[in-house]
């Protein structure tokens, strides 16, 4: 009889230990994923800031050649301000899309001014900007991948049991306006 009680007690203790280890493991993996999402978001912000730091030099270089293109310079300045003030992934994505459009307009000015296209400072800034755009794309893809894993983990069992208690909520993807436009069905009209 004592032997049966000891075996039952030992089995219960082992079960409690296994359950405790599983709970700790799930909790720690949720916290690690939450931190990974924050780290990936910080990388996006770092690359967006890098681009923001390049823009004044690019504008200054272009202004030297294209003094009468004030509308574009104003648009770039406004887009930069919106991006600097955006806080959420949705706001950042919208501001990033606007920034990309205005930068495109700014770089298009170079086509009108052959001497600007040949300027070493402009070429160097354009190359740095292209490299930064690539870094932003890589950071955005990494962030969205980690958000996907995180969102799935907090919604699936057993993570869904722990996420509310840890204050973990679904995260937003970083989607640009171009992505949103691509998802819309085009309107076709025959007249």
Protein backbone atom coordinates (compact mmCIF):
# COMPACT_ATOMS: atom_id res chain seq x y z
CA UNK A 1 0.00 0.00 0.00
CA UNK A 2 2.81 2.41 0.96
CA UNK A 3 4.57 1.45 -2.25
CA UNK A 4 1.50 2.38 -4.31
CA UNK A 5 1.23 5.75 -2.52
CA UNK A 6 4.90 6.46 -3.18
CA UNK A 7 4.55 5.54 -6.85
CA UNK A 8 1.44 7.73 -7.21
CA UNK A 9 3.15 10.61 -5.40
CA UNK A 10 6.25 10.24 -7.58
CA UNK A 11 4.13 10.16 -10.76
CA UNK A 12 2.21 13.25 -9.63
CA UNK A 13 5.47 15.08 -8.86
CA UNK A 14 6.88 14.18 -12.28
CA UNK A 15 3.65 15.34 -13.97
CA UNK A 16 3.75 18.64 -12.07
CA UNK A 17 7.39 19.18 -13.02
CA UNK A 18 6.69 18.39 -16.70
CA UNK A 19 3.71 20.78 -16.75
CA UNK A 20 5.76 23.51 -15.01
CA UNK A 21 8.58 23.11 -17.55
CA UNK A 22 6.08 23.31 -20.42
CA UNK A 23 4.49 26.46 -18.97
CA UNK A 24 7.87 28.11 -18.49
CA UNK A 25 8.93 27.10 -22.01
CA UNK A 26 5.78 28.52 -23.65
CA UNK A 27 5.97 31.73 -21.61
CA UNK A 28 9.65 32.25 -22.43
CA UNK A 29 9.13 31.58 -26.14
CA UNK A 30 6.30 34.15 -26.23
CA UNK A 31 8.47 36.74 -24.52
CA UNK A 32 11.39 35.99 -26.87
CA UNK A 33 9.16 36.42 -29.93
CA UNK A 34 7.77 39.68 -28.53
CA UNK A 35 11.31 40.97 -28.13
CA UNK A 36 12.20 39.81 -31.65
CA UNK A 37 9.29 41.81 -33.06
CA UNK A 38 10.49 44.90 -31.17
CA UNK A 39 14.04 44.37 -32.43
CA UNK A 40 12.87 43.97 -36.03
CA UNK A 41 10.76 47.13 -35.72
CA UNK A 42 13.80 49.01 -34.40
CA UNK A 43 15.73 47.94 -37.52
CA UNK A 44 13.02 49.41 -39.76
CA UNK A 45 13.12 52.64 -37.78
CA UNK A 46 16.93 52.73 -38.01
CA UNK A 47 16.85 52.39 -41.79
CA UNK A 48 14.05 54.94 -42.15
CA UNK A 49 16.10 57.34 -40.02
CA UNK A 50 19.14 56.68 -42.21
CA UNK A 51 17.09 57.68 -45.24
CA UNK A 52 15.80 60.76 -43.40
CA UNK A 53 19.39 61.77 -42.70
CA UNK A 54 20.33 61.43 -46.39
CA UNK A 55 17.43 63.46 -47.73
CA UNK A 56 18.56 66.95 -46.65
CA UNK A 57 21.91 66.42 -48.39
CA UNK A 58 20.19 65.14 -51.50
CA UNK A 59 17.78 68.09 -51.54
CA UNK A 60 20.63 70.53 -51.00
CA UNK A 61 22.57 69.05 -53.93
CA UNK A 62 19.56 69.12 -56.25
CA UNK A 63 18.62 72.66 -55.14
CA UNK A 64 21.99 73.88 -56.35
CA UNK A 65 21.04 72.88 -59.89
CA UNK A 66 17.26 73.21 -59.89
CA UNK A 67 16.43 76.33 -57.92
CA UNK A 68 12.98 76.77 -59.49
CA UNK A 69 11.69 73.29 -58.47
CA UNK A 70 10.32 74.56 -55.12
CA UNK A 71 7.12 72.47 -55.24
CA UNK A 72 9.11 69.23 -55.16
CA UNK A 73 11.37 70.46 -52.35
CA UNK A 74 8.31 71.40 -50.29
CA UNK A 75 6.71 68.00 -50.93
CA UNK A 76 9.90 66.20 -49.86
CA UNK A 77 10.09 68.29 -46.69
CA UNK A 78 6.45 67.58 -45.82
CA UNK A 79 6.81 63.85 -46.50
CA UNK A 80 9.94 63.72 -44.36
CA UNK A 81 8.11 65.46 -41.52
CA UNK A 82 5.21 62.98 -41.74
CA UNK A 83 7.60 60.05 -41.60
CA UNK A 84 9.45 61.47 -38.62
CA UNK A 85 6.16 61.97 -36.73
CA UNK A 86 4.59 58.60 -37.58
CA UNK A 87 4.41 56.19 -34.64
CA UNK A 88 2.56 52.99 -35.55
CA UNK A 89 3.49 50.53 -38.32
CA UNK A 90 0.43 51.66 -40.32
CA UNK A 91 1.36 55.35 -39.98
CA UNK A 92 5.01 54.61 -40.81
CA UNK A 93 4.00 52.55 -43.86
CA UNK A 94 1.73 55.32 -45.17
CA UNK A 95 4.38 57.98 -44.56
CA UNK A 96 7.05 55.73 -46.10
CA UNK A 97 4.96 55.34 -49.24
CA UNK A 98 4.52 59.11 -49.52
CA UNK A 99 8.25 59.58 -48.95
CA UNK A 100 9.03 57.11 -51.74
CA UNK A 101 6.75 58.97 -54.14
CA UNK A 102 8.26 62.37 -53.37
CA UNK A 103 11.81 61.02 -53.57
CA UNK A 104 10.94 59.62 -56.97
CA UNK A 105 9.85 63.08 -58.05
CA UNK A 106 13.05 64.59 -56.64
CA UNK A 107 15.25 62.07 -58.45
CA UNK A 108 13.28 62.62 -61.66
CA UNK A 109 14.49 66.23 -61.63
CA UNK A 110 17.99 64.92 -62.30
CA UNK A 111 16.80 63.85 -65.75
CA UNK A 112 16.24 67.53 -66.63
CA UNK A 113 19.72 68.54 -65.51
CA UNK A 114 22.56 66.54 -67.11
CA UNK A 115 25.19 68.38 -65.08
CA UNK A 116 23.38 67.27 -61.87
CA UNK A 117 23.39 63.64 -63.04
CA UNK A 118 27.18 63.91 -63.46
CA UNK A 119 27.79 65.55 -60.05
CA UNK A 120 29.83 63.22 -57.80
CA UNK A 121 27.97 64.26 -54.65
CA UNK A 122 24.62 63.56 -56.29
CA UNK A 123 25.79 60.17 -57.61
CA UNK A 124 27.15 59.19 -54.19
CA UNK A 125 23.94 60.29 -52.43
CA UNK A 126 21.82 58.47 -55.00
CA UNK A 127 23.85 55.27 -54.43
CA UNK A 128 23.54 55.61 -50.65
CA UNK A 129 19.81 56.17 -50.99
CA UNK A 130 19.44 53.07 -53.19
CA UNK A 131 21.38 51.02 -50.63
CA UNK A 132 19.19 52.37 -47.86
CA UNK A 133 16.03 51.51 -49.79
CA UNK A 134 17.32 47.93 -50.07
CA UNK A 135 18.03 47.85 -46.33
CA UNK A 136 14.52 49.12 -45.62
CA UNK A 137 13.05 46.36 -47.80
CA UNK A 138 15.10 43.68 -46.02
CA UNK A 139 14.18 45.06 -42.58
CA UNK A 140 10.50 45.26 -43.56
CA UNK A 141 10.51 41.64 -44.78
CA UNK A 142 12.25 40.46 -41.61
CA UNK A 143 9.82 42.38 -39.43
CA UNK A 144 6.77 41.00 -41.24
CA UNK A 145 8.16 37.47 -41.00
CA UNK A 146 8.69 37.76 -37.25
CA UNK A 147 5.27 39.39 -36.78
CA UNK A 148 3.72 36.43 -38.61
CA UNK A 149 5.42 33.94 -36.26
CA UNK A 150 4.52 36.04 -33.22
CA UNK A 151 0.87 36.49 -34.20
CA UNK A 152 0.51 32.77 -34.89
CA UNK A 153 2.15 31.83 -31.58
CA UNK A 154 -0.12 34.05 -29.46
CA UNK A 155 -3.24 32.83 -31.28
CA UNK A 156 -2.42 29.10 -31.23
CA UNK A 157 -2.74 26.78 -28.25
CA UNK A 158 -1.04 26.91 -25.73
CA UNK A 159 0.23 30.43 -26.44
CA UNK A 160 -3.33 31.76 -26.56
CA UNK A 161 -3.71 30.80 -22.91
CA UNK A 162 -0.72 32.87 -21.81
CA UNK A 163 -0.70 35.84 -24.22
CA UNK A 164 -3.51 37.82 -22.52
CA UNK A 165 -1.89 37.40 -19.09
CA UNK A 166 1.40 38.70 -20.47
CA UNK A 167 -0.31 41.63 -22.20
CA UNK A 168 0.66 40.33 -25.64
CA UNK A 169 -1.60 41.43 -28.47
CA UNK A 170 -1.60 40.91 -32.22
CA UNK A 171 0.96 43.11 -34.00
CA UNK A 172 0.44 45.04 -37.23
CA UNK A 173 2.35 44.20 -40.39
CA UNK A 174 4.38 46.89 -42.12
CA UNK A 175 2.47 47.29 -45.39
CA UNK A 176 3.11 50.09 -47.81
CA UNK A 177 0.46 51.92 -49.81
CA UNK A 178 1.78 50.16 -52.91
CA UNK A 179 0.87 46.83 -51.30
CA UNK A 180 -2.61 48.09 -50.47
CA UNK A 181 -3.10 49.31 -54.05
CA UNK A 182 -1.89 45.98 -55.43
CA UNK A 183 -4.52 44.20 -53.32
CA UNK A 184 -7.37 46.30 -54.78
CA UNK A 185 -9.31 44.99 -57.74
CA UNK A 186 -8.76 47.28 -60.74
CA UNK A 187 -11.82 48.96 -62.18
CA UNK A 188 -12.30 48.21 -65.86
CA UNK A 189 -14.68 50.34 -67.84
CA UNK A 190 -15.77 49.94 -71.45
CA UNK A 191 -17.24 52.97 -73.14
